[in-house]
Amino acid sequence: INLPKTLFVHGFITVNGQKMSKSLGNIIDPFKQIEKFGLEAVRFYLLKEVIDSDDGDYSEERLMEVINSELADDLGNLVRRITVLIEKNFSGIIPTQGKLEKVDKEFIKKSRFAKEFDELMLSFKFNKAIELIWDFIRAINKYLTETEPWKIKDHKRLGTILFNALEATRIIALYLSLIIPD
């Protein structure tokens, strides 16, 4: 078997800014954290907060902030917003994409970050890859804020906006499946 050509080595994981130590009593049991917060949340937090070549700090307070602000607020509210609008206006059936306007085309261009994402993942820059995903999540939210689908009466235009937003969310799900697979 050939030896690996690249090794992933992260820094120390500190707790509230201090190295873990039996004498300080600040050892974190990863199994208890997973039991308390779930594997997906802990994995996401560590990949996002523990930078590939530097020390990373672990705190339950910061973990809960990340869960609430990024997973629940940014991502969860986005998915909820889109699905509610599709349910309300299209009886839960995914609408078709109609004629694209300038705002749609500019938005769609933002979804083309696969090469950059792959490079970051292959170079173990998981936190940067997650930042890239979250930039796109923010772009989806901005697109919805700019187009205001809740105010649109034209069913075809509304369908196009919701289709674009849902397709963007599907793309996010594909990228996130590498980070939070369940």
Protein backbone atom coordinates (compact mmCIF):
# COMPACT_ATOMS: atom_id res chain seq x y z
CA ILE A 1 0.00 0.00 0.00
CA ASN A 2 1.38 3.36 -0.99
CA LEU A 3 1.87 5.91 1.75
CA PRO A 4 -0.48 8.90 1.69
CA LYS A 5 0.78 11.92 -0.21
CA THR A 6 -1.05 14.38 2.07
CA LEU A 7 -1.77 14.34 5.78
CA PHE A 8 -4.46 16.36 7.49
CA VAL A 9 -3.10 17.69 10.78
CA HIS A 10 -5.08 20.17 12.81
CA GLY A 11 -3.95 22.19 15.78
CA PHE A 12 -4.95 21.63 19.36
CA ILE A 13 -8.58 21.83 20.36
CA THR A 14 -8.79 24.16 23.31
CA VAL A 15 -11.69 24.66 25.69
CA ASN A 16 -12.67 28.26 26.36
CA GLY A 17 -9.20 29.34 25.24
CA GLN A 18 -7.21 26.84 27.37
CA LYS A 19 -5.55 23.56 26.44
CA MET A 20 -7.45 20.56 27.73
CA SER A 21 -5.97 19.24 30.93
CA LYS A 22 -6.94 16.69 33.56
CA SER A 23 -5.63 18.98 36.28
CA LEU A 24 -7.83 21.87 35.06
CA GLY A 25 -10.74 19.48 34.69
CA ASN A 26 -11.71 20.88 31.30
CA ILE A 27 -11.60 17.68 29.26
CA ILE A 28 -14.49 17.43 26.76
CA ASP A 29 -15.87 13.97 26.11
CA PRO A 30 -16.81 13.96 22.40
CA PHE A 31 -19.30 11.11 22.89
CA LYS A 32 -21.19 13.09 25.53
CA GLN A 33 -21.22 16.15 23.26
CA ILE A 34 -22.58 14.05 20.40
CA GLU A 35 -25.20 12.56 22.71
CA LYS A 36 -26.23 16.05 23.87
CA PHE A 37 -26.12 17.97 20.55
CA GLY A 38 -26.10 15.30 17.85
CA LEU A 39 -23.33 14.06 15.58
CA GLU A 40 -24.23 16.40 12.72
CA ALA A 41 -24.08 19.56 14.83
CA VAL A 42 -20.79 18.64 16.50
CA ARG A 43 -19.20 17.62 13.18
CA PHE A 44 -20.38 20.85 11.52
CA TYR A 45 -19.06 22.94 14.41
CA LEU A 46 -15.64 21.27 14.43
CA LEU A 47 -15.20 21.51 10.66
CA LYS A 48 -16.26 25.14 10.72
CA GLU A 49 -14.45 26.34 13.86
CA VAL A 50 -11.27 24.23 14.03
CA ILE A 51 -9.11 25.67 11.27
CA ASP A 52 -6.86 23.25 9.42
CA SER A 53 -3.50 24.61 10.56
CA ASP A 54 -4.33 26.43 13.78
CA ASP A 55 -5.72 25.71 17.23
CA GLY A 56 -9.48 25.67 17.51
CA ASP A 57 -11.56 26.54 20.51
CA TYR A 58 -14.49 24.41 21.65
CA SER A 59 -17.23 25.77 23.83
CA GLU A 60 -20.80 24.65 24.23
CA GLU A 61 -21.90 28.28 24.12
CA ARG A 62 -20.30 28.81 20.70
CA LEU A 63 -21.62 25.45 19.49
CA MET A 64 -25.16 26.50 20.42
CA GLU A 65 -24.62 29.88 18.69
CA VAL A 66 -23.55 28.10 15.50
CA ILE A 67 -26.49 25.67 15.67
CA ASN A 68 -28.98 28.50 16.23
CA SER A 69 -27.62 31.15 13.89
CA GLU A 70 -26.34 29.11 10.96
CA LEU A 71 -28.15 25.79 10.93
CA ALA A 72 -31.51 26.92 12.32
CA ASP A 73 -31.76 30.58 11.29
CA ASP A 74 -29.83 30.84 8.01
CA LEU A 75 -30.45 27.40 6.55
CA GLY A 76 -33.56 26.20 8.37
CA ASN A 77 -35.51 29.42 7.89
CA LEU A 78 -34.52 29.54 4.21
CA VAL A 79 -35.81 26.03 3.55
CA ARG A 80 -38.99 26.75 5.52
CA ARG A 81 -39.57 30.03 3.68
CA ILE A 82 -39.30 28.38 0.25
CA THR A 83 -41.38 25.32 1.10
CA VAL A 84 -44.16 27.41 2.66
CA LEU A 85 -44.36 29.59 -0.45
CA ILE A 86 -44.44 26.54 -2.74
CA GLU A 87 -47.07 24.86 -0.59
CA LYS A 88 -49.21 27.99 -0.43
CA ASN A 89 -48.97 28.97 -4.10
CA PHE A 90 -48.43 25.65 -5.91
CA SER A 91 -50.03 23.10 -3.57
CA GLY A 92 -46.62 21.65 -2.77
CA ILE A 93 -45.79 20.90 -6.42
CA ILE A 94 -42.45 22.25 -7.61
CA PRO A 95 -43.13 25.04 -10.13
CA THR A 96 -41.41 25.24 -13.50
CA GLN A 97 -38.80 27.79 -14.40
CA GLY A 98 -40.08 30.42 -16.79
CA LYS A 99 -38.40 33.35 -18.49
CA LEU A 100 -35.34 34.56 -16.63
CA GLU A 101 -34.89 38.21 -15.80
CA LYS A 102 -31.57 39.94 -15.12
CA VAL A 103 -31.85 39.41 -11.34
CA ASP A 104 -32.40 35.67 -11.93
CA LYS A 105 -29.40 35.33 -14.24
CA GLU A 106 -27.13 37.18 -11.81
CA PHE A 107 -28.36 34.96 -8.98
CA ILE A 108 -27.84 31.74 -10.96
CA LYS A 109 -24.22 32.73 -11.69
CA LYS A 110 -23.56 32.67 -7.94
CA SER A 111 -24.29 28.93 -7.87
CA ARG A 112 -21.18 28.15 -9.89
CA PHE A 113 -18.63 27.57 -7.18
CA ALA A 114 -18.06 23.81 -7.55
CA LYS A 115 -14.43 24.09 -8.62
CA GLU A 116 -13.53 26.41 -5.75
CA PHE A 117 -15.45 24.21 -3.28
CA ASP A 118 -13.66 21.07 -4.52
CA GLU A 119 -10.26 22.73 -4.23
CA LEU A 120 -10.99 23.82 -0.67
CA MET A 121 -12.23 20.38 0.37
CA LEU A 122 -9.29 18.60 -1.26
CA SER A 123 -6.86 20.92 0.52
CA PHE A 124 -8.62 20.28 3.88
CA LYS A 125 -9.83 23.87 4.20
CA PHE A 126 -13.20 22.76 5.50
CA ASN A 127 -13.96 26.04 7.26
CA LYS A 128 -13.44 27.96 4.01
CA ALA A 129 -15.62 25.48 2.11
CA ILE A 130 -18.37 26.01 4.69
CA GLU A 131 -17.95 29.79 4.33
CA LEU A 132 -18.46 29.38 0.59
CA ILE A 133 -21.68 27.44 1.16
CA TRP A 134 -22.93 30.04 3.64
CA ASP A 135 -22.13 32.85 1.20
CA PHE A 136 -24.45 31.11 -1.25
CA ILE A 137 -27.13 30.62 1.42
CA ARG A 138 -26.97 34.36 2.09
CA ALA A 139 -27.22 34.97 -1.68
CA ILE A 140 -30.41 32.87 -1.82
CA ASN A 141 -31.90 34.87 1.05
CA LYS A 142 -30.88 38.12 -0.65
CA TYR A 143 -32.46 36.94 -3.93
CA LEU A 144 -35.73 36.25 -2.13
CA THR A 145 -35.59 39.62 -0.38
CA GLU A 146 -34.93 41.42 -3.67
CA THR A 147 -37.59 39.60 -5.70
CA GLU A 148 -40.21 39.56 -2.90
CA PRO A 149 -42.07 36.44 -4.08
CA TRP A 150 -44.73 36.87 -1.36
CA LYS A 151 -45.89 40.05 -3.17
CA ILE A 152 -45.93 38.69 -6.73
CA LYS A 153 -49.31 38.07 -8.35
CA ASP A 154 -47.96 36.78 -11.71
CA HIS A 155 -48.04 32.99 -11.22
CA LYS A 156 -45.36 32.29 -13.89
CA ARG A 157 -42.95 34.85 -12.45
CA LEU A 158 -43.57 33.56 -8.94
CA GLY A 159 -42.92 30.01 -10.16
CA THR A 160 -39.61 31.03 -11.71
CA ILE A 161 -38.40 32.71 -8.53
CA LEU A 162 -39.41 29.78 -6.34
CA PHE A 163 -37.95 27.26 -8.79
CA ASN A 164 -34.62 29.15 -8.77
CA ALA A 165 -34.59 29.36 -4.98
CA LEU A 166 -35.48 25.69 -4.59
CA GLU A 167 -32.86 24.62 -7.13
CA ALA A 168 -30.27 26.69 -5.25
CA THR A 169 -31.33 24.98 -2.02
CA ARG A 170 -30.92 21.58 -3.72
CA ILE A 171 -27.37 22.60 -4.66
CA ILE A 172 -26.72 23.59 -1.03
CA ALA A 173 -27.99 20.18 0.10
CA LEU A 174 -25.52 18.43 -2.22
CA TYR A 175 -22.58 20.41 -0.88
CA LEU A 176 -23.69 20.00 2.73
CA SER A 177 -24.04 16.23 2.30
CA LEU A 178 -20.25 16.08 2.50
CA ILE A 179 -20.23 17.94 5.80
CA ILE A 180 -23.50 16.89 7.47
CA PRO A 181 -24.42 13.70 5.59
CA ASP A 182 -27.42 12.67 7.67
